[in-house]
Amino acid sequence: MASNGTATQAEKEFYRIGDVSKIAALKPFVLRYWETEFPMLQPVKSASGHRMYRQEDVDLVLKIKRLLYDEGFTIAGARRHLREGAGEAEASVNLGPGHGATQLLNRKMLLDLRDSLRAFLTLLERK
Protein backbone atom coordinates (compact mmCIF):
# COMPACT_ATOMS: atom_id res chain seq x y z
CA MET A 1 0.00 0.00 0.00
CA ALA A 2 2.83 2.41 0.76
CA SER A 3 4.06 2.14 -2.83
CA ASN A 4 0.60 3.13 -4.11
CA GLY A 5 0.64 6.20 -1.87
CA THR A 6 4.11 7.08 -3.13
CA ALA A 7 3.04 6.66 -6.76
CA THR A 8 0.05 8.91 -6.18
CA GLN A 9 2.33 11.51 -4.59
CA ALA A 10 4.75 11.28 -7.52
CA GLU A 11 1.89 11.70 -10.00
CA LYS A 12 0.78 14.89 -8.23
CA GLU A 13 4.23 16.43 -8.60
CA PHE A 14 3.81 16.80 -12.37
CA TYR A 15 0.80 17.38 -14.61
CA ARG A 16 0.54 16.85 -18.35
CA ILE A 17 -0.74 19.66 -20.54
CA GLY A 18 -4.13 17.93 -20.86
CA ASP A 19 -4.49 17.82 -17.07
CA VAL A 20 -3.61 21.50 -16.73
CA SER A 21 -5.99 22.27 -19.58
CA LYS A 22 -8.83 20.64 -17.64
CA ILE A 23 -7.84 22.21 -14.30
CA ALA A 24 -7.70 25.71 -15.79
CA ALA A 25 -10.56 25.20 -18.29
CA LEU A 26 -8.31 26.32 -21.16
CA LYS A 27 -7.43 24.76 -24.49
CA PRO A 28 -3.91 23.27 -24.71
CA PHE A 29 -2.97 25.70 -27.51
CA VAL A 30 -3.65 28.60 -25.11
CA LEU A 31 -1.20 27.10 -22.61
CA ARG A 32 1.42 26.63 -25.33
CA TYR A 33 0.92 30.23 -26.47
CA TRP A 34 1.23 31.52 -22.89
CA GLU A 35 4.57 29.71 -22.61
CA THR A 36 5.84 31.93 -25.42
CA GLU A 37 4.44 35.12 -23.85
CA PHE A 38 5.28 34.51 -20.18
CA PRO A 39 8.96 33.57 -19.71
CA MET A 40 8.28 32.58 -16.10
CA LEU A 41 5.97 29.79 -17.31
CA GLN A 42 8.40 27.03 -18.24
CA PRO A 43 7.12 23.50 -17.78
CA VAL A 44 9.83 20.88 -17.89
CA LYS A 45 9.97 18.50 -20.82
CA SER A 46 9.95 14.76 -20.26
CA ALA A 47 12.37 12.50 -22.07
CA SER A 48 9.66 11.94 -24.68
CA GLY A 49 9.21 15.70 -25.15
CA HIS A 50 5.90 16.04 -23.29
CA ARG A 51 5.30 19.18 -21.24
CA MET A 52 5.22 18.40 -17.55
CA TYR A 53 3.82 21.16 -15.36
CA ARG A 54 4.82 21.43 -11.69
CA GLN A 55 2.30 22.63 -9.12
CA GLU A 56 3.85 26.12 -9.21
CA ASP A 57 3.34 26.15 -13.00
CA VAL A 58 -0.33 25.23 -12.54
CA ASP A 59 -0.69 28.00 -9.94
CA LEU A 60 0.93 30.46 -12.36
CA VAL A 61 -1.42 29.40 -15.18
CA LEU A 62 -4.40 30.06 -12.90
CA LYS A 63 -2.97 33.44 -11.91
CA ILE A 64 -2.37 34.40 -15.56
CA LYS A 65 -5.92 33.36 -16.42
CA ARG A 66 -7.31 35.50 -13.57
CA LEU A 67 -5.25 38.51 -14.67
CA LEU A 68 -6.27 38.23 -18.33
CA TYR A 69 -9.87 37.07 -18.10
CA ASP A 70 -11.13 38.45 -14.79
CA GLU A 71 -9.06 41.58 -14.21
CA GLY A 72 -8.81 42.72 -17.82
CA PHE A 73 -5.03 42.87 -18.16
CA THR A 74 -3.42 42.73 -21.57
CA ILE A 75 -0.78 40.05 -22.06
CA ALA A 76 1.98 42.66 -21.78
CA GLY A 77 0.34 44.13 -18.68
CA ALA A 78 -0.06 40.72 -17.05
CA ARG A 79 3.56 39.87 -17.85
CA ARG A 80 4.71 43.17 -16.30
CA HIS A 81 2.46 42.64 -13.28
CA LEU A 82 3.88 39.16 -12.69
CA ARG A 83 7.46 40.38 -13.14
CA GLU A 84 6.96 43.21 -10.66
CA GLY A 85 4.65 41.20 -8.43
CA ALA A 86 7.26 39.95 -5.97
CA GLY A 87 8.38 43.46 -5.07
CA GLU A 88 4.80 44.73 -4.81
CA ALA A 89 3.79 41.83 -2.57
CA GLU A 90 6.55 42.75 -0.14
CA ALA A 91 5.61 46.43 -0.30
CA SER A 92 1.92 45.77 0.38
CA VAL A 93 2.82 43.68 3.41
CA ASN A 94 4.89 46.56 4.76
CA LEU A 95 2.13 49.11 4.11
CA GLY A 96 -0.22 47.41 6.53
CA PRO A 97 -3.87 46.37 6.42
CA GLY A 98 -6.34 48.11 4.17
CA HIS A 99 -3.80 49.00 1.48
CA GLY A 100 -4.87 46.06 -0.69
CA ALA A 101 -8.50 47.26 -0.65
CA THR A 102 -7.39 50.74 -1.71
CA GLN A 103 -5.30 49.30 -4.52
CA LEU A 104 -8.28 47.22 -5.75
CA LEU A 105 -10.55 50.26 -5.61
CA ASN A 106 -8.02 52.32 -7.60
CA ARG A 107 -7.74 49.52 -10.17
CA LYS A 108 -11.52 49.31 -10.50
CA MET A 109 -11.76 53.07 -10.95
CA LEU A 110 -9.10 52.96 -13.67
CA LEU A 111 -10.85 50.10 -15.45
CA ASP A 112 -14.16 52.00 -15.30
CA LEU A 113 -12.44 55.12 -16.64
CA ARG A 114 -10.87 53.11 -19.47
CA ASP A 115 -14.28 51.66 -20.42
CA SER A 116 -15.86 55.13 -20.35
CA LEU A 117 -13.10 56.55 -22.53
CA ARG A 118 -13.45 53.69 -25.01
CA ALA A 119 -17.21 54.32 -25.21
CA PHE A 120 -16.59 58.04 -25.71
CA LEU A 121 -14.00 57.32 -28.42
CA THR A 122 -16.48 55.05 -30.18
CA LEU A 123 -19.05 57.86 -30.18
CA LEU A 124 -16.50 60.30 -31.59
CA GLU A 125 -15.43 57.91 -34.34
CA ARG A 126 -19.03 57.55 -35.54
CA LYS A 127 -19.24 61.25 -36.41
C-alpha atoms as a PDB file:
ATOM      1  CA  MET A   1       0.000   0.000   0.000  1.00  0.00           C
ATOM      2  CA  ALA A   2       2.830   2.413   0.757  1.00  0.00           C
ATOM      3  CA  SER A   3       4.057   2.140  -2.829  1.00  0.00           C
ATOM      4  CA  ASN A   4       0.605   3.129  -4.105  1.00  0.00           C
ATOM      5  CA  GLY A   5       0.644   6.201  -1.868  1.00  0.00           C
ATOM      6  CA  THR A   6       4.109   7.078  -3.125  1.00  0.00           C
ATOM      7  CA  ALA A   7       3.037   6.656  -6.756  1.00  0.00           C
ATOM      8  CA  THR A   8       0.053   8.911  -6.179  1.00  0.00           C
ATOM      9  CA  GLN A   9       2.331  11.510  -4.595  1.00  0.00           C
ATOM     10  CA  ALA A  10       4.750  11.279  -7.522  1.00  0.00           C
ATOM     11  CA  GLU A  11       1.893  11.703 -10.003  1.00  0.00           C
ATOM     12  CA  LYS A  12       0.785  14.886  -8.229  1.00  0.00           C
ATOM     13  CA  GLU A  13       4.232  16.432  -8.597  1.00  0.00           C
ATOM     14  CA  PHE A  14       3.808  16.796 -12.367  1.00  0.00           C
ATOM     15  CA  TYR A  15       0.801  17.384 -14.609  1.00  0.00           C
ATOM     16  CA  ARG A  16       0.543  16.851 -18.349  1.00  0.00           C
ATOM     17  CA  ILE A  17      -0.743  19.663 -20.541  1.00  0.00           C
ATOM     18  CA  GLY A  18      -4.131  17.934 -20.856  1.00  0.00           C
ATOM     19  CA  ASP A  19      -4.488  17.824 -17.075  1.00  0.00           C
ATOM     20  CA  VAL A  20      -3.614  21.505 -16.733  1.00  0.00           C
ATOM     21  CA  SER A  21      -5.986  22.274 -19.579  1.00  0.00           C
ATOM     22  CA  LYS A  22      -8.830  20.639 -17.642  1.00  0.00           C
ATOM     23  CA  ILE A  23      -7.844  22.209 -14.302  1.00  0.00           C
ATOM     24  CA  ALA A  24      -7.703  25.711 -15.793  1.00  0.00           C
ATOM     25  CA  ALA A  25     -10.555  25.198 -18.294  1.00  0.00           C
ATOM     26  CA  LEU A  26      -8.310  26.316 -21.155  1.00  0.00           C
ATOM     27  CA  LYS A  27      -7.429  24.756 -24.491  1.00  0.00           C
ATOM     28  CA  PRO A  28      -3.914  23.274 -24.714  1.00  0.00           C
ATOM     29  CA  PHE A  29      -2.974  25.697 -27.509  1.00  0.00           C
ATOM     30  CA  VAL A  30      -3.651  28.596 -25.114  1.00  0.00           C
ATOM     31  CA  LEU A  31      -1.198  27.101 -22.611  1.00  0.00           C
ATOM     32  CA  ARG A  32       1.420  26.626 -25.332  1.00  0.00           C
ATOM     33  CA  TYR A  33       0.921  30.232 -26.466  1.00  0.00           C
ATOM     34  CA  TRP A  34       1.234  31.524 -22.893  1.00  0.00           C
ATOM     35  CA  GLU A  35       4.568  29.709 -22.610  1.00  0.00           C
ATOM     36  CA  THR A  36       5.840  31.931 -25.420  1.00  0.00           C
ATOM     37  CA  GLU A  37       4.444  35.117 -23.850  1.00  0.00           C
ATOM     38  CA  PHE A  38       5.281  34.510 -20.180  1.00  0.00           C
ATOM     39  CA  PRO A  39       8.960  33.568 -19.711  1.00  0.00           C
ATOM     40  CA  MET A  40       8.284  32.582 -16.095  1.00  0.00           C
ATOM     41  CA  LEU A  41       5.970  29.791 -17.313  1.00  0.00           C
ATOM     42  CA  GLN A  42       8.397  27.032 -18.237  1.00  0.00           C
ATOM     43  CA  PRO A  43       7.120  23.498 -17.781  1.00  0.00           C
ATOM     44  CA  VAL A  44       9.825  20.879 -17.885  1.00  0.00           C
ATOM     45  CA  LYS A  45       9.973  18.496 -20.821  1.00  0.00           C
ATOM     46  CA  SER A  46       9.948  14.762 -20.256  1.00  0.00           C
ATOM     47  CA  ALA A  47      12.368  12.496 -22.067  1.00  0.00           C
ATOM     48  CA  SER A  48       9.663  11.939 -24.682  1.00  0.00           C
ATOM     49  CA  GLY A  49       9.214  15.697 -25.150  1.00  0.00           C
ATOM     50  CA  HIS A  50       5.902  16.041 -23.286  1.00  0.00           C
ATOM     51  CA  ARG A  51       5.301  19.176 -21.241  1.00  0.00           C
ATOM     52  CA  MET A  52       5.223  18.400 -17.548  1.00  0.00           C
ATOM     53  CA  TYR A  53       3.818  21.161 -15.355  1.00  0.00           C
ATOM     54  CA  ARG A  54       4.825  21.432 -11.689  1.00  0.00           C
ATOM     55  CA  GLN A  55       2.303  22.634  -9.119  1.00  0.00           C
ATOM     56  CA  GLU A  56       3.849  26.125  -9.206  1.00  0.00           C
ATOM     57  CA  ASP A  57       3.343  26.147 -13.000  1.00  0.00           C
ATOM     58  CA  VAL A  58      -0.330  25.232 -12.538  1.00  0.00           C
ATOM     59  CA  ASP A  59      -0.695  27.999  -9.939  1.00  0.00           C
ATOM     60  CA  LEU A  60       0.926  30.457 -12.359  1.00  0.00           C
ATOM     61  CA  VAL A  61      -1.425  29.403 -15.181  1.00  0.00           C
ATOM     62  CA  LEU A  62      -4.397  30.056 -12.899  1.00  0.00           C
ATOM     63  CA  LYS A  63      -2.972  33.443 -11.912  1.00  0.00           C
ATOM     64  CA  ILE A  64      -2.370  34.400 -15.559  1.00  0.00           C
ATOM     65  CA  LYS A  65      -5.924  33.359 -16.417  1.00  0.00           C
ATOM     66  CA  ARG A  66      -7.314  35.497 -13.574  1.00  0.00           C
ATOM     67  CA  LEU A  67      -5.255  38.514 -14.667  1.00  0.00           C
ATOM     68  CA  LEU A  68      -6.265  38.227 -18.329  1.00  0.00           C
ATOM     69  CA  TYR A  69      -9.867  37.066 -18.095  1.00  0.00           C
ATOM     70  CA  ASP A  70     -11.129  38.446 -14.787  1.00  0.00           C
ATOM     71  CA  GLU A  71      -9.062  41.579 -14.212  1.00  0.00           C
ATOM     72  CA  GLY A  72      -8.808  42.723 -17.825  1.00  0.00           C
ATOM     73  CA  PHE A  73      -5.030  42.867 -18.156  1.00  0.00           C
ATOM     74  CA  THR A  74      -3.423  42.728 -21.572  1.00  0.00           C
ATOM     75  CA  ILE A  75      -0.779  40.051 -22.055  1.00  0.00           C
ATOM     76  CA  ALA A  76       1.978  42.657 -21.777  1.00  0.00           C
ATOM     77  CA  GLY A  77       0.340  44.131 -18.677  1.00  0.00           C
ATOM     78  CA  ALA A  78      -0.062  40.725 -17.048  1.00  0.00           C
ATOM     79  CA  ARG A  79       3.557  39.865 -17.849  1.00  0.00           C
ATOM     80  CA  ARG A  80       4.714  43.166 -16.303  1.00  0.00           C
ATOM     81  CA  HIS A  81       2.459  42.635 -13.279  1.00  0.00           C
ATOM     82  CA  LEU A  82       3.881  39.159 -12.689  1.00  0.00           C
ATOM     83  CA  ARG A  83       7.457  40.385 -13.139  1.00  0.00           C
ATOM     84  CA  GLU A  84       6.962  43.209 -10.662  1.00  0.00           C
ATOM     85  CA  GLY A  85       4.645  41.197  -8.430  1.00  0.00           C
ATOM     86  CA  ALA A  86       7.259  39.947  -5.968  1.00  0.00           C
ATOM     87  CA  GLY A  87       8.381  43.462  -5.072  1.00  0.00           C
ATOM     88  CA  GLU A  88       4.799  44.728  -4.807  1.00  0.00           C
ATOM     89  CA  ALA A  89       3.787  41.831  -2.570  1.00  0.00           C
ATOM     90  CA  GLU A  90       6.550  42.748  -0.136  1.00  0.00           C
ATOM     91  CA  ALA A  91       5.607  46.435  -0.300  1.00  0.00           C
ATOM     92  CA  SER A  92       1.919  45.771   0.378  1.00  0.00           C
ATOM     93  CA  VAL A  93       2.819  43.677   3.412  1.00  0.00           C
ATOM     94  CA  ASN A  94       4.888  46.562   4.762  1.00  0.00           C
ATOM     95  CA  LEU A  95       2.133  49.109   4.105  1.00  0.00           C
ATOM     96  CA  GLY A  96      -0.221  47.410   6.526  1.00  0.00           C
ATOM     97  CA  PRO A  97      -3.868  46.374   6.419  1.00  0.00           C
ATOM     98  CA  GLY A  98      -6.337  48.108   4.166  1.00  0.00           C
ATOM     99  CA  HIS A  99      -3.805  48.998   1.484  1.00  0.00           C
ATOM    100  CA  GLY A 100      -4.873  46.062  -0.692  1.00  0.00           C
ATOM    101  CA  ALA A 101      -8.497  47.256  -0.655  1.00  0.00           C
ATOM    102  CA  THR A 102      -7.390  50.744  -1.707  1.00  0.00           C
ATOM    103  CA  GLN A 103      -5.303  49.296  -4.521  1.00  0.00           C
ATOM    104  CA  LEU A 104      -8.276  47.222  -5.750  1.00  0.00           C
ATOM    105  CA  LEU A 105     -10.554  50.261  -5.608  1.00  0.00           C
ATOM    106  CA  ASN A 106      -8.024  52.323  -7.601  1.00  0.00           C
ATOM    107  CA  ARG A 107      -7.739  49.522 -10.169  1.00  0.00           C
ATOM    108  CA  LYS A 108     -11.525  49.310 -10.503  1.00  0.00           C
ATOM    109  CA  MET A 109     -11.762  53.069 -10.950  1.00  0.00           C
ATOM    110  CA  LEU A 110      -9.103  52.955 -13.667  1.00  0.00           C
ATOM    111  CA  LEU A 111     -10.854  50.099 -15.454  1.00  0.00           C
ATOM    112  CA  ASP A 112     -14.159  51.995 -15.300  1.00  0.00           C
ATOM    113  CA  LEU A 113     -12.438  55.121 -16.643  1.00  0.00           C
ATOM    114  CA  ARG A 114     -10.875  53.108 -19.467  1.00  0.00           C
ATOM    115  CA  ASP A 115     -14.276  51.661 -20.415  1.00  0.00           C
ATOM    116  CA  SER A 116     -15.861  55.128 -20.350  1.00  0.00           C
ATOM    117  CA  LEU A 117     -13.098  56.551 -22.532  1.00  0.00           C
ATOM    118  CA  ARG A 118     -13.454  53.687 -25.009  1.00  0.00           C
ATOM    119  CA  ALA A 119     -17.210  54.316 -25.207  1.00  0.00           C
ATOM    120  CA  PHE A 120     -16.588  58.036 -25.712  1.00  0.00           C
ATOM    121  CA  LEU A 121     -14.001  57.321 -28.419  1.00  0.00           C
ATOM    122  CA  THR A 122     -16.479  55.045 -30.177  1.00  0.00           C
ATOM    123  CA  LEU A 123     -19.049  57.859 -30.178  1.00  0.00           C
ATOM    124  CA  LEU A 124     -16.504  60.301 -31.591  1.00  0.00           C
ATOM    125  CA  GLU A 125     -15.434  57.911 -34.337  1.00  0.00           C
ATOM    126  CA  ARG A 126     -19.025  57.549 -35.545  1.00  0.00           C
ATOM    127  CA  LYS A 127     -19.235  61.248 -36.415  1.00  0.00           C
END
